[in-house]
Amino acid sequence: MQRYFVTPEQFGQDTVVLDGEDARHIAKVMRGKAGDKLIVSDGVSREALVAIASIEIGEVTATILESLEMTHEPRIQITVAQSLPKGDKLETVIQKCTEIGAVAFVPFLSERTIVQYDERKESKRLDRWRKICKEAAEQAHRNIVPKVSSPLGWKQLLGSFSGYDAVYFCYEKEEGLQLRSAAAPWLAGLEPESSAKVLVIVGPEGGFSEEECEAAEAAGAVSVGLGRRILRCETAGMVAAACILYESGEMGGA
């Protein structure tokens, strides 16, 4: 069943109003008609099964049939920090990690970032990243739309570590501690049903320098490997997120 995210203000007592791109999608792409059922979520606390009551130009009004429980979110809240890669690779990271279960994305600049950062251009890219995130969240039947922040500098990223319960620095030269070995015991020690915030840091095409690894560890990150094979920068975040969620039991694990 098609799912749409709206603002809390669009939810009324008995109806929901969808507008803008959502209304256009319902009318033009889905060829919706009165009586068709949808799932609508405000991404915060309300989700409902609704039926289309009317379709006007730029606006769809739907009647709330049933309130739904919001049970699709993982208790381990993963933020993927991705050094800006070339081309549209970050779009792939955002789309696929949203499907997997990440709750936020933090693009950042590091020593070997190839992309020339332009704040004016990035504002347009940020809008596109957020749109891709919303569409992926709808497709994956998420209860929330993950947040995509504006790009941070390296020092800003390091300064954010205190906001997380665990920080894993994915380093291709790490030959000792692997992500599963680092995450599994920690996750097993959490109280049942308790939540935790995890930051996964992934480098650009050229990886991280040794100095960056040392700085990350000094700031509180744990340097981890992702297996014996070298992963592309757009693949590493997906593998890390899936590994952590599996070990937490979200994907049929322990």
Protein backbone atom coordinates (compact mmCIF):
# COMPACT_ATOMS: atom_id res chain seq x y z
CA MET A 1 0.00 0.00 0.00
CA GLN A 2 1.30 3.45 -0.92
CA ARG A 3 2.71 5.47 1.99
CA TYR A 4 3.13 9.24 2.33
CA PHE A 5 4.75 11.50 4.91
CA VAL A 6 3.07 14.76 5.88
CA THR A 7 3.66 17.40 8.55
CA PRO A 8 1.82 17.05 11.90
CA GLU A 9 -0.20 20.14 10.94
CA GLN A 10 -1.69 18.28 7.96
CA PHE A 11 -3.30 15.76 10.32
CA GLY A 12 -6.75 16.79 11.52
CA GLN A 13 -9.11 15.09 13.92
CA ASP A 14 -10.77 12.97 11.23
CA THR A 15 -8.98 13.90 7.99
CA VAL A 16 -5.54 14.34 6.48
CA VAL A 17 -4.71 16.82 3.73
CA LEU A 18 -1.91 15.96 1.30
CA ASP A 19 -0.59 18.69 -0.97
CA GLY A 20 2.28 19.62 -3.28
CA GLU A 21 4.29 16.77 -4.78
CA ASP A 22 2.37 14.16 -2.78
CA ALA A 23 -0.97 15.33 -4.17
CA ARG A 24 0.44 15.37 -7.70
CA HIS A 25 1.83 11.85 -7.25
CA ILE A 26 -1.52 10.52 -6.02
CA ALA A 27 -3.48 12.16 -8.82
CA LYS A 28 -1.13 11.80 -11.79
CA VAL A 29 1.16 8.86 -11.08
CA MET A 30 -1.02 6.60 -8.93
CA ARG A 31 -4.22 7.74 -10.69
CA GLY A 32 -5.93 7.80 -7.33
CA LYS A 33 -9.68 8.03 -6.94
CA ALA A 34 -12.16 8.43 -4.12
CA GLY A 35 -12.15 5.41 -1.85
CA ASP A 36 -8.54 4.38 -2.53
CA LYS A 37 -6.67 3.57 0.67
CA LEU A 38 -3.28 4.97 1.68
CA ILE A 39 -1.04 5.02 4.73
CA VAL A 40 -0.11 8.48 5.96
CA SER A 41 2.46 9.29 8.66
CA ASP A 42 3.57 12.54 10.26
CA GLY A 43 6.98 11.00 11.00
CA VAL A 44 6.62 11.83 14.69
CA SER A 45 3.75 10.19 16.52
CA ARG A 46 0.80 9.61 14.19
CA GLU A 47 0.26 7.11 11.44
CA ALA A 48 -3.06 6.14 9.92
CA LEU A 49 -4.84 4.14 7.30
CA VAL A 50 -6.87 6.61 5.26
CA ALA A 51 -9.26 6.64 2.32
CA ILE A 52 -9.25 9.34 -0.33
CA ALA A 53 -12.32 11.57 0.02
CA SER A 54 -11.60 14.11 -2.69
CA ILE A 55 -8.92 15.06 -5.20
CA GLU A 56 -8.54 18.71 -6.19
CA ILE A 57 -5.76 20.51 -8.07
CA GLY A 58 -2.77 20.41 -5.74
CA GLU A 59 -4.68 18.93 -2.80
CA VAL A 60 -5.97 15.53 -1.71
CA THR A 61 -8.23 15.14 1.30
CA ALA A 62 -8.45 11.72 2.96
CA THR A 63 -10.60 10.36 5.76
CA ILE A 64 -8.87 8.62 8.66
CA LEU A 65 -10.08 5.03 8.93
CA GLU A 66 -7.74 3.61 11.54
CA SER A 67 -4.77 4.70 13.64
CA LEU A 68 -1.72 2.47 13.18
CA GLU A 69 1.10 1.58 15.53
CA MET A 70 4.53 2.90 14.57
CA THR A 71 6.62 -0.26 14.92
CA HIS A 72 8.99 -0.19 11.96
CA GLU A 73 11.90 1.70 13.51
CA PRO A 74 15.02 0.00 14.95
CA ARG A 75 15.91 0.57 18.58
CA ILE A 76 19.55 1.11 17.56
CA GLN A 77 19.56 4.53 15.94
CA ILE A 78 22.34 4.62 13.35
CA THR A 79 23.67 7.83 11.87
CA VAL A 80 25.86 7.39 8.79
CA ALA A 81 28.55 10.06 8.43
CA GLN A 82 29.82 9.92 4.85
CA SER A 83 32.72 11.96 3.50
CA LEU A 84 31.40 13.63 0.35
CA PRO A 85 32.01 11.26 -2.59
CA LYS A 86 32.04 12.10 -6.28
CA GLY A 87 28.97 12.22 -8.50
CA ASP A 88 25.71 10.82 -7.20
CA LYS A 89 27.22 8.22 -4.87
CA LEU A 90 25.84 9.91 -1.77
CA GLU A 91 22.36 9.59 -3.23
CA THR A 92 22.89 5.82 -3.32
CA VAL A 93 24.15 5.81 0.27
CA ILE A 94 21.13 7.77 1.49
CA GLN A 95 18.62 5.71 -0.44
CA LYS A 96 19.93 2.28 0.53
CA CYS A 97 20.83 3.08 4.14
CA THR A 98 17.36 4.55 4.62
CA GLU A 99 15.90 1.25 3.43
CA ILE A 100 18.20 -0.64 5.81
CA GLY A 101 17.21 1.48 8.82
CA ALA A 102 19.59 4.43 9.34
CA VAL A 103 17.95 7.39 11.10
CA ALA A 104 20.25 10.21 9.97
CA PHE A 105 22.99 11.16 7.53
CA VAL A 106 25.89 13.55 8.05
CA PRO A 107 27.92 14.45 4.94
CA PHE A 108 31.35 15.83 5.83
CA LEU A 109 34.64 17.01 4.39
CA SER A 110 37.86 15.12 5.07
CA GLU A 111 41.47 15.28 3.94
CA ARG A 112 41.01 13.20 0.78
CA THR A 113 37.57 14.48 -0.21
CA ILE A 114 37.78 15.07 -3.96
CA VAL A 115 34.56 17.06 -4.34
CA GLN A 116 35.04 20.82 -4.38
CA TYR A 117 32.55 22.02 -1.80
CA ASP A 118 30.40 24.98 -2.86
CA GLU A 119 27.85 26.02 -0.24
CA ARG A 120 25.51 27.61 -2.80
CA LYS A 121 25.43 24.49 -4.97
CA GLU A 122 25.23 22.17 -1.97
CA SER A 123 21.94 23.74 -0.85
CA LYS A 124 20.32 22.37 -4.02
CA ARG A 125 21.99 19.00 -3.53
CA LEU A 126 20.78 18.95 0.07
CA ASP A 127 17.19 19.43 -1.09
CA ARG A 128 17.65 16.52 -3.52
CA TRP A 129 19.21 14.29 -0.84
CA ARG A 130 16.27 14.97 1.47
CA LYS A 131 13.77 14.20 -1.29
CA ILE A 132 15.52 10.90 -2.04
CA CYS A 133 15.49 10.11 1.68
CA LYS A 134 11.74 10.77 1.94
CA GLU A 135 10.96 8.62 -1.10
CA ALA A 136 13.13 5.77 0.21
CA ALA A 137 11.46 5.99 3.63
CA GLU A 138 8.03 5.76 2.00
CA GLN A 139 9.08 2.79 -0.14
CA ALA A 140 10.58 0.97 2.86
CA HIS A 141 7.53 1.67 5.07
CA ARG A 142 9.57 3.57 7.61
CA ASN A 143 7.76 5.43 10.40
CA ILE A 144 10.10 8.42 10.10
CA VAL A 145 12.04 10.22 7.41
CA PRO A 146 15.74 10.13 8.37
CA LYS A 147 17.41 13.51 8.76
CA VAL A 148 20.04 14.67 6.27
CA SER A 149 22.22 17.43 7.70
CA SER A 150 24.23 20.07 5.92
CA PRO A 151 27.86 19.03 5.31
CA LEU A 152 30.21 19.41 8.29
CA GLY A 153 33.93 20.09 8.45
CA TRP A 154 36.21 17.39 9.86
CA LYS A 155 36.66 19.13 13.23
CA GLN A 156 32.92 19.69 13.51
CA LEU A 157 32.35 15.98 13.00
CA LEU A 158 34.90 15.09 15.68
CA GLY A 159 33.17 17.49 18.06
CA SER A 160 29.85 15.68 17.61
CA PHE A 161 31.01 12.33 19.01
CA SER A 162 29.74 13.04 22.53
CA GLY A 163 26.18 12.89 21.23
CA TYR A 164 26.44 9.15 20.52
CA ASP A 165 26.67 6.03 22.65
CA ALA A 166 29.15 4.42 20.23
CA VAL A 167 31.22 5.75 17.32
CA TYR A 168 32.74 3.39 14.75
CA PHE A 169 35.41 4.70 12.39
CA CYS A 170 35.47 2.46 9.30
CA TYR A 171 39.14 2.25 8.33
CA GLU A 172 40.35 0.10 5.45
CA LYS A 173 43.81 -0.27 7.03
CA GLU A 174 42.41 -1.66 10.28
CA GLU A 175 43.64 -5.26 10.38
CA GLY A 176 42.77 -6.04 13.98
CA LEU A 177 39.36 -5.14 15.37
CA GLN A 178 36.45 -5.78 13.02
CA LEU A 179 33.06 -4.09 13.31
CA ARG A 180 31.21 -7.21 14.39
CA SER A 181 33.76 -7.96 17.12
CA ALA A 182 33.47 -4.39 18.39
CA ALA A 183 29.70 -4.00 18.17
CA ALA A 184 28.35 -7.42 19.16
CA PRO A 185 29.51 -7.48 22.83
CA TRP A 186 28.41 -3.88 23.35
CA LEU A 187 25.00 -4.51 21.83
CA ALA A 188 24.58 -7.70 23.87
CA GLY A 189 25.21 -5.68 27.03
CA LEU A 190 22.36 -3.27 26.40
CA GLU A 191 19.16 -3.63 28.37
CA PRO A 192 16.42 -5.40 26.38
CA GLU A 193 14.31 -2.97 24.36
CA SER A 194 16.61 -0.07 25.27
CA SER A 195 17.69 2.32 22.52
CA ALA A 196 21.15 3.61 21.66
CA LYS A 197 22.68 6.09 19.25
CA VAL A 198 25.49 4.88 16.98
CA LEU A 199 27.62 6.90 14.58
CA VAL A 200 29.25 5.11 11.64
CA ILE A 201 31.97 7.11 9.85
CA VAL A 202 32.90 6.31 6.25
CA GLY A 203 35.64 7.94 4.21
CA PRO A 204 35.79 9.16 0.60
CA GLU A 205 37.12 7.29 -2.44
CA GLY A 206 40.71 7.63 -1.24
CA GLY A 207 39.94 6.55 2.31
CA PHE A 208 41.22 8.17 5.49
CA SER A 209 44.75 9.20 6.38
CA GLU A 210 46.52 7.77 9.43
CA GLU A 211 46.34 11.22 11.02
CA GLU A 212 42.56 11.24 10.65
CA CYS A 213 42.33 7.80 12.19
CA GLU A 214 44.40 8.94 15.16
CA ALA A 215 42.29 12.09 15.56
CA ALA A 216 39.06 10.09 15.45
CA GLU A 217 40.32 7.63 18.07
CA ALA A 218 41.50 10.49 20.27
CA ALA A 219 37.99 11.98 20.06
CA GLY A 220 36.43 8.70 21.20
CA ALA A 221 35.83 6.64 18.05
CA VAL A 222 36.67 2.95 17.73
CA SER A 223 38.60 2.12 14.55
CA VAL A 224 37.14 -0.97 12.88
CA GLY A 225 37.52 -2.97 9.69
CA LEU A 226 34.71 -4.31 7.52
CA GLY A 227 36.23 -7.61 6.50
CA ARG A 228 39.08 -8.79 4.30
CA ARG A 229 37.88 -7.06 1.16
CA ILE A 230 38.12 -3.38 0.31
CA LEU A 231 34.67 -1.86 -0.12
CA ARG A 232 33.72 1.13 -2.22
CA CYS A 233 32.90 4.22 -0.19
CA GLU A 234 29.22 3.99 -1.18
CA THR A 235 29.08 0.34 -0.04
CA ALA A 236 30.77 0.61 3.34
CA GLY A 237 27.99 2.49 5.12
CA MET A 238 25.38 -0.01 3.96
CA VAL A 239 27.45 -2.97 5.17
CA ALA A 240 28.17 -1.32 8.52
CA ALA A 241 24.53 -0.40 9.14
CA ALA A 242 23.30 -3.87 8.18
CA CYS A 243 25.93 -5.52 10.40
CA ILE A 244 24.98 -3.46 13.46
CA LEU A 245 21.24 -3.96 12.98
CA TYR A 246 21.73 -7.70 12.43
CA GLU A 247 23.75 -8.03 15.63
CA SER A 248 21.06 -6.10 17.51
CA GLY A 249 18.43 -8.59 16.35
CA GLU A 250 16.71 -6.28 13.87
CA MET A 251 17.37 -8.60 10.92
CA GLY A 252 16.87 -11.98 12.47
CA GLY A 253 20.05 -11.96 14.54
CA ALA A 254 20.55 -12.82 18.16
